[in-house]
Amino acid sequence: ASPDVPMVLPQQLAIGGRLVLPVQSGDGQVLIRIRRTADDCYQREELLPVRFVPLVGEGGWAEATR
């Protein structure tokens, strides 16, 4: 799971493309779906609570905070 959606990922989507990824939310995690609707427009939707291992490195958690 990521602390938030790294914008480098949705920017790679074609218009109409979708990205699904787990994101930290309070004490848990939630599955997020991002859909690119235009060049600079994205639709974000929370799907359901989940549990994934932390994403580390660029766009994720710092190694020390795991």
PDB file of N, CA and C in Angstrom:
ATOM      1  N   ALA A   1       0.848  -1.192   0.000  1.00  0.00           N
ATOM      2  CA  ALA A   1       0.000   0.000   0.000  1.00  0.00           C
ATOM      3  C   ALA A   1       0.880   1.238   0.000  1.00  0.00           C
ATOM      4  N   SER A   2       0.362   2.286  -0.558  1.00  0.00           N
ATOM      5  CA  SER A   2       1.072   3.556  -0.678  1.00  0.00           C
ATOM      6  C   SER A   2       0.490   4.570   0.306  1.00  0.00           C
ATOM      7  N   PRO A   3       1.269   5.574   0.736  1.00  0.00           N
ATOM      8  CA  PRO A   3       0.709   6.609   1.610  1.00  0.00           C
ATOM      9  C   PRO A   3      -0.353   7.442   0.885  1.00  0.00           C
ATOM     10  N   ASP A   4      -0.254   7.571  -0.408  1.00  0.00           N
ATOM     11  CA  ASP A   4      -1.235   8.253  -1.253  1.00  0.00           C
ATOM     12  C   ASP A   4      -0.958   7.829  -2.696  1.00  0.00           C
ATOM     13  N   VAL A   5      -1.769   8.266  -3.632  1.00  0.00           N
ATOM     14  CA  VAL A   5      -1.575   7.905  -5.036  1.00  0.00           C
ATOM     15  C   VAL A   5      -0.416   8.724  -5.603  1.00  0.00           C
ATOM     16  N   PRO A   6       0.709   8.096  -5.989  1.00  0.00           N
ATOM     17  CA  PRO A   6       1.805   8.827  -6.628  1.00  0.00           C
ATOM     18  C   PRO A   6       1.326   9.332  -7.998  1.00  0.00           C
ATOM     19  N   MET A   7       1.288  10.648  -8.219  1.00  0.00           N
ATOM     20  CA  MET A   7       0.711  11.208  -9.443  1.00  0.00           C
ATOM     21  C   MET A   7       1.433  10.757 -10.711  1.00  0.00           C
ATOM     22  N   VAL A   8       2.650  10.261 -10.597  1.00  0.00           N
ATOM     23  CA  VAL A   8       3.353   9.750 -11.770  1.00  0.00           C
ATOM     24  C   VAL A   8       2.602   8.550 -12.365  1.00  0.00           C
ATOM     25  N   LEU A   9       1.837   7.816 -11.556  1.00  0.00           N
ATOM     26  CA  LEU A   9       1.105   6.654 -12.071  1.00  0.00           C
ATOM     27  C   LEU A   9      -0.132   7.051 -12.873  1.00  0.00           C
ATOM     28  N   PRO A  10      -1.070   7.855 -12.339  1.00  0.00           N
ATOM     29  CA  PRO A  10      -2.232   8.229 -13.143  1.00  0.00           C
ATOM     30  C   PRO A  10      -1.863   9.029 -14.390  1.00  0.00           C
ATOM     31  N   GLN A  11      -0.769   9.769 -14.349  1.00  0.00           N
ATOM     32  CA  GLN A  11      -0.354  10.556 -15.511  1.00  0.00           C
ATOM     33  C   GLN A  11       0.032   9.672 -16.691  1.00  0.00           C
ATOM     34  N   GLN A  12       0.312   8.400 -16.442  1.00  0.00           N
ATOM     35  CA  GLN A  12       0.665   7.474 -17.515  1.00  0.00           C
ATOM     36  C   GLN A  12      -0.557   6.852 -18.189  1.00  0.00           C
ATOM     37  N   LEU A  13      -1.749   7.068 -17.617  1.00  0.00           N
ATOM     38  CA  LEU A  13      -2.961   6.474 -18.169  1.00  0.00           C
ATOM     39  C   LEU A  13      -3.405   7.179 -19.439  1.00  0.00           C
ATOM     40  N   ALA A  14      -3.950   6.413 -20.366  1.00  0.00           N
ATOM     41  CA  ALA A  14      -4.639   6.996 -21.524  1.00  0.00           C
ATOM     42  C   ALA A  14      -5.993   7.504 -21.029  1.00  0.00           C
ATOM     43  N   ILE A  15      -6.605   8.399 -21.764  1.00  0.00           N
ATOM     44  CA  ILE A  15      -7.938   8.854 -21.392  1.00  0.00           C
ATOM     45  C   ILE A  15      -8.873   7.650 -21.398  1.00  0.00           C
ATOM     46  N   GLY A  16      -9.602   7.475 -20.308  1.00  0.00           N
ATOM     47  CA  GLY A  16     -10.453   6.300 -20.128  1.00  0.00           C
ATOM     48  C   GLY A  16      -9.758   5.177 -19.386  1.00  0.00           C
ATOM     49  N   GLY A  17      -8.419   5.294 -19.199  1.00  0.00           N
ATOM     50  CA  GLY A  17      -7.656   4.268 -18.493  1.00  0.00           C
ATOM     51  C   GLY A  17      -7.946   4.272 -16.997  1.00  0.00           C
ATOM     52  N   ARG A  18      -7.689   3.140 -16.349  1.00  0.00           N
ATOM     53  CA  ARG A  18      -7.960   2.986 -14.921  1.00  0.00           C
ATOM     54  C   ARG A  18      -6.726   2.483 -14.186  1.00  0.00           C
ATOM     55  N   LEU A  19      -6.611   2.913 -12.942  1.00  0.00           N
ATOM     56  CA  LEU A  19      -5.549   2.472 -12.046  1.00  0.00           C
ATOM     57  C   LEU A  19      -6.221   2.074 -10.741  1.00  0.00           C
ATOM     58  N   VAL A  20      -5.901   0.894 -10.231  1.00  0.00           N
ATOM     59  CA  VAL A  20      -6.428   0.433  -8.951  1.00  0.00           C
ATOM     60  C   VAL A  20      -5.235   0.200  -8.043  1.00  0.00           C
ATOM     61  N   LEU A  21      -5.275   0.805  -6.827  1.00  0.00           N
ATOM     62  CA  LEU A  21      -4.156   0.651  -5.925  1.00  0.00           C
ATOM     63  C   LEU A  21      -4.580   0.850  -4.489  1.00  0.00           C
ATOM     64  N   PRO A  22      -3.957   0.107  -3.549  1.00  0.00           N
ATOM     65  CA  PRO A  22      -4.265   0.278  -2.133  1.00  0.00           C
ATOM     66  C   PRO A  22      -3.552   1.511  -1.577  1.00  0.00           C
ATOM     67  N   VAL A  23      -4.274   2.301  -0.761  1.00  0.00           N
ATOM     68  CA  VAL A  23      -3.747   3.538  -0.196  1.00  0.00           C
ATOM     69  C   VAL A  23      -4.042   3.552   1.307  1.00  0.00           C
ATOM     70  N   GLN A  24      -3.097   4.061   2.084  1.00  0.00           N
ATOM     71  CA  GLN A  24      -3.280   4.185   3.532  1.00  0.00           C
ATOM     72  C   GLN A  24      -4.434   5.130   3.829  1.00  0.00           C
ATOM     73  N   SER A  25      -5.298   4.764   4.754  1.00  0.00           N
ATOM     74  CA  SER A  25      -6.430   5.596   5.155  1.00  0.00           C
ATOM     75  C   SER A  25      -6.626   5.449   6.657  1.00  0.00           C
ATOM     76  N   GLY A  26      -6.153   6.437   7.430  1.00  0.00           N
ATOM     77  CA  GLY A  26      -6.248   6.321   8.889  1.00  0.00           C
ATOM     78  C   GLY A  26      -5.427   5.147   9.377  1.00  0.00           C
ATOM     79  N   ASP A  27      -6.061   4.263  10.158  1.00  0.00           N
ATOM     80  CA  ASP A  27      -5.369   3.085  10.689  1.00  0.00           C
ATOM     81  C   ASP A  27      -5.379   1.904   9.729  1.00  0.00           C
ATOM     82  N   GLY A  28      -6.123   2.004   8.621  1.00  0.00           N
ATOM     83  CA  GLY A  28      -6.226   0.896   7.675  1.00  0.00           C
ATOM     84  C   GLY A  28      -5.830   1.319   6.275  1.00  0.00           C
ATOM     85  N   GLN A  29      -6.312   0.570   5.334  1.00  0.00           N
ATOM     86  CA  GLN A  29      -6.050   0.846   3.921  1.00  0.00           C
ATOM     87  C   GLN A  29      -7.354   0.727   3.144  1.00  0.00           C
ATOM     88  N   VAL A  30      -7.413   1.401   2.016  1.00  0.00           N
ATOM     89  CA  VAL A  30      -8.594   1.340   1.163  1.00  0.00           C
ATOM     90  C   VAL A  30      -8.135   1.173  -0.280  1.00  0.00           C
ATOM     91  N   LEU A  31      -8.883   0.405  -1.050  1.00  0.00           N
ATOM     92  CA  LEU A  31      -8.581   0.226  -2.466  1.00  0.00           C
ATOM     93  C   LEU A  31      -9.169   1.409  -3.231  1.00  0.00           C
ATOM     94  N   ILE A  32      -8.330   2.093  -4.005  1.00  0.00           N
ATOM     95  CA  ILE A  32      -8.710   3.293  -4.749  1.00  0.00           C
ATOM     96  C   ILE A  32      -8.704   2.971  -6.242  1.00  0.00           C
ATOM     97  N   ARG A  33      -9.722   3.475  -6.964  1.00  0.00           N
ATOM     98  CA  ARG A  33      -9.723   3.378  -8.419  1.00  0.00           C
ATOM     99  C   ARG A  33      -9.642   4.797  -8.972  1.00  0.00           C
ATOM    100  N   ILE A  34      -8.654   5.041  -9.828  1.00  0.00           N
ATOM    101  CA  ILE A  34      -8.472   6.326 -10.499  1.00  0.00           C
ATOM    102  C   ILE A  34      -8.787   6.106 -11.979  1.00  0.00           C
ATOM    103  N   ARG A  35      -9.622   6.967 -12.540  1.00  0.00           N
ATOM    104  CA  ARG A  35      -9.920   6.898 -13.973  1.00  0.00           C
ATOM    105  C   ARG A  35      -9.567   8.239 -14.594  1.00  0.00           C
ATOM    106  N   ARG A  36      -8.804   8.208 -15.672  1.00  0.00           N
ATOM    107  CA  ARG A  36      -8.446   9.443 -16.372  1.00  0.00           C
ATOM    108  C   ARG A  36      -9.589   9.784 -17.324  1.00  0.00           C
ATOM    109  N   THR A  37     -10.189  10.970 -17.126  1.00  0.00           N
ATOM    110  CA  THR A  37     -11.354  11.358 -17.917  1.00  0.00           C
ATOM    111  C   THR A  37     -11.013  12.379 -18.996  1.00  0.00           C
ATOM    112  N   ALA A  38      -9.883  13.076 -18.864  1.00  0.00           N
ATOM    113  CA  ALA A  38      -9.408  14.054 -19.853  1.00  0.00           C
ATOM    114  C   ALA A  38      -7.924  14.266 -19.598  1.00  0.00           C
ATOM    115  N   ASP A  39      -7.283  15.149 -20.394  1.00  0.00           N
ATOM    116  CA  ASP A  39      -5.839  15.358 -20.247  1.00  0.00           C
ATOM    117  C   ASP A  39      -5.425  15.647 -18.805  1.00  0.00           C
ATOM    118  N   ASP A  40      -6.128  16.541 -18.125  1.00  0.00           N
ATOM    119  CA  ASP A  40      -5.775  16.912 -16.751  1.00  0.00           C
ATOM    120  C   ASP A  40      -6.892  16.625 -15.762  1.00  0.00           C
ATOM    121  N   CYS A  41      -7.767  15.664 -16.047  1.00  0.00           N
ATOM    122  CA  CYS A  41      -8.901  15.350 -15.168  1.00  0.00           C
ATOM    123  C   CYS A  41      -8.893  13.870 -14.798  1.00  0.00           C
ATOM    124  N   TYR A  42      -9.059  13.618 -13.496  1.00  0.00           N
ATOM    125  CA  TYR A  42      -9.066  12.262 -12.973  1.00  0.00           C
ATOM    126  C   TYR A  42     -10.266  12.092 -12.045  1.00  0.00           C
ATOM    127  N   GLN A  43     -10.872  10.922 -12.064  1.00  0.00           N
ATOM    128  CA  GLN A  43     -11.956  10.590 -11.151  1.00  0.00           C
ATOM    129  C   GLN A  43     -11.413   9.579 -10.147  1.00  0.00           C
ATOM    130  N   ARG A  44     -11.556   9.874  -8.858  1.00  0.00           N
ATOM    131  CA  ARG A  44     -11.050   9.005  -7.789  1.00  0.00           C
ATOM    132  C   ARG A  44     -12.230   8.413  -7.037  1.00  0.00           C
ATOM    133  N   GLU A  45     -12.191   7.089  -6.814  1.00  0.00           N
ATOM    134  CA  GLU A  45     -13.276   6.401  -6.133  1.00  0.00           C
ATOM    135  C   GLU A  45     -12.701   5.418  -5.116  1.00  0.00           C
ATOM    136  N   GLU A  46     -13.203   5.469  -3.882  1.00  0.00           N
ATOM    137  CA  GLU A  46     -12.812   4.495  -2.864  1.00  0.00           C
ATOM    138  C   GLU A  46     -13.698   3.260  -3.022  1.00  0.00           C
ATOM    139  N   LEU A  47     -13.068   2.078  -3.131  1.00  0.00           N
ATOM    140  CA  LEU A  47     -13.816   0.857  -3.404  1.00  0.00           C
ATOM    141  C   LEU A  47     -14.151   0.059  -2.152  1.00  0.00           C
ATOM    142  N   LEU A  48     -13.129  -0.355  -1.374  1.00  0.00           N
ATOM    143  CA  LEU A  48     -13.362  -1.170  -0.195  1.00  0.00           C
ATOM    144  C   LEU A  48     -12.113  -1.218   0.671  1.00  0.00           C
ATOM    145  N   PRO A  49     -12.267  -1.552   1.963  1.00  0.00           N
ATOM    146  CA  PRO A  49     -11.093  -1.687   2.833  1.00  0.00           C
ATOM    147  C   PRO A  49     -10.287  -2.931   2.455  1.00  0.00           C
ATOM    148  N   VAL A  50      -8.944  -2.810   2.544  1.00  0.00           N
ATOM    149  CA  VAL A  50      -8.042  -3.907   2.193  1.00  0.00           C
ATOM    150  C   VAL A  50      -6.835  -3.905   3.130  1.00  0.00           C
ATOM    151  N   ARG A  51      -5.982  -4.917   3.000  1.00  0.00           N
ATOM    152  CA  ARG A  51      -4.703  -4.994   3.728  1.00  0.00           C
ATOM    153  C   ARG A  51      -3.625  -5.460   2.761  1.00  0.00           C
ATOM    154  N   PHE A  52      -2.629  -4.607   2.508  1.00  0.00           N
ATOM    155  CA  PHE A  52      -1.492  -4.932   1.649  1.00  0.00           C
ATOM    156  C   PHE A  52      -0.207  -4.587   2.382  1.00  0.00           C
ATOM    157  N   VAL A  53       0.911  -5.115   1.927  1.00  0.00           N
ATOM    158  CA  VAL A  53       2.208  -4.751   2.484  1.00  0.00           C
ATOM    159  C   VAL A  53       2.550  -3.328   2.036  1.00  0.00           C
ATOM    160  N   PRO A  54       3.381  -2.596   2.788  1.00  0.00           N
ATOM    161  CA  PRO A  54       3.720  -1.213   2.420  1.00  0.00           C
ATOM    162  C   PRO A  54       4.515  -1.130   1.116  1.00  0.00           C
ATOM    163  N   LEU A  55       4.233  -0.096   0.327  1.00  0.00           N
ATOM    164  CA  LEU A  55       5.025   0.240  -0.852  1.00  0.00           C
ATOM    165  C   LEU A  55       6.183   1.103  -0.372  1.00  0.00           C
ATOM    166  N   VAL A  56       7.421   0.710  -0.664  1.00  0.00           N
ATOM    167  CA  VAL A  56       8.586   1.493  -0.242  1.00  0.00           C
ATOM    168  C   VAL A  56       9.302   2.033  -1.468  1.00  0.00           C
ATOM    169  N   GLY A  57      10.052   3.102  -1.261  1.00  0.00           N
ATOM    170  CA  GLY A  57      10.797   3.712  -2.355  1.00  0.00           C
ATOM    171  C   GLY A  57      10.075   4.930  -2.887  1.00  0.00           C
ATOM    172  N   GLU A  58      10.452   5.357  -4.084  1.00  0.00           N
ATOM    173  CA  GLU A  58       9.870   6.552  -4.692  1.00  0.00           C
ATOM    174  C   GLU A  58       8.358   6.395  -4.854  1.00  0.00           C
ATOM    175  N   GLY A  59       7.599   7.365  -4.339  1.00  0.00           N
ATOM    176  CA  GLY A  59       6.144   7.320  -4.402  1.00  0.00           C
ATOM    177  C   GLY A  59       5.517   6.528  -3.273  1.00  0.00           C
ATOM    178  N   GLY A  60       6.330   5.905  -2.423  1.00  0.00           N
ATOM    179  CA  GLY A  60       5.815   5.103  -1.313  1.00  0.00           C
ATOM    180  C   GLY A  60       6.344   5.576   0.019  1.00  0.00           C
ATOM    181  N   TRP A  61       6.415   4.677   0.961  1.00  0.00           N
ATOM    182  CA  TRP A  61       6.896   4.971   2.312  1.00  0.00           C
ATOM    183  C   TRP A  61       8.433   5.017   2.316  1.00  0.00           C
ATOM    184  N   ALA A  62       8.991   5.857   3.163  1.00  0.00           N
ATOM    185  CA  ALA A  62      10.443   5.851   3.361  1.00  0.00           C
ATOM    186  C   ALA A  62      10.794   4.536   4.040  1.00  0.00           C
ATOM    187  N   GLU A  63      11.934   4.009   3.745  1.00  0.00           N
ATOM    188  CA  GLU A  63      12.386   2.713   4.292  1.00  0.00           C
ATOM    189  C   GLU A  63      12.280   2.682   5.819  1.00  0.00           C
ATOM    190  N   ALA A  64      12.606   3.779   6.496  1.00  0.00           N
ATOM    191  CA  ALA A  64      12.632   3.811   7.966  1.00  0.00           C
ATOM    192  C   ALA A  64      11.250   3.790   8.590  1.00  0.00           C
ATOM    193  N   THR A  65      10.186   4.165   7.869  1.00  0.00           N
ATOM    194  CA  THR A  65       8.857   4.233   8.473  1.00  0.00           C
ATOM    195  C   THR A  65       8.038   2.980   8.267  1.00  0.00           C
ATOM    196  N   ARG A  66       8.609   1.961   7.676  1.00  0.00           N
ATOM    197  CA  ARG A  66       7.858   0.722   7.456  1.00  0.00           C
ATOM    198  C   ARG A  66       7.488   0.163   8.743  1.00  0.00           C
TER     199      ARG A  66
END
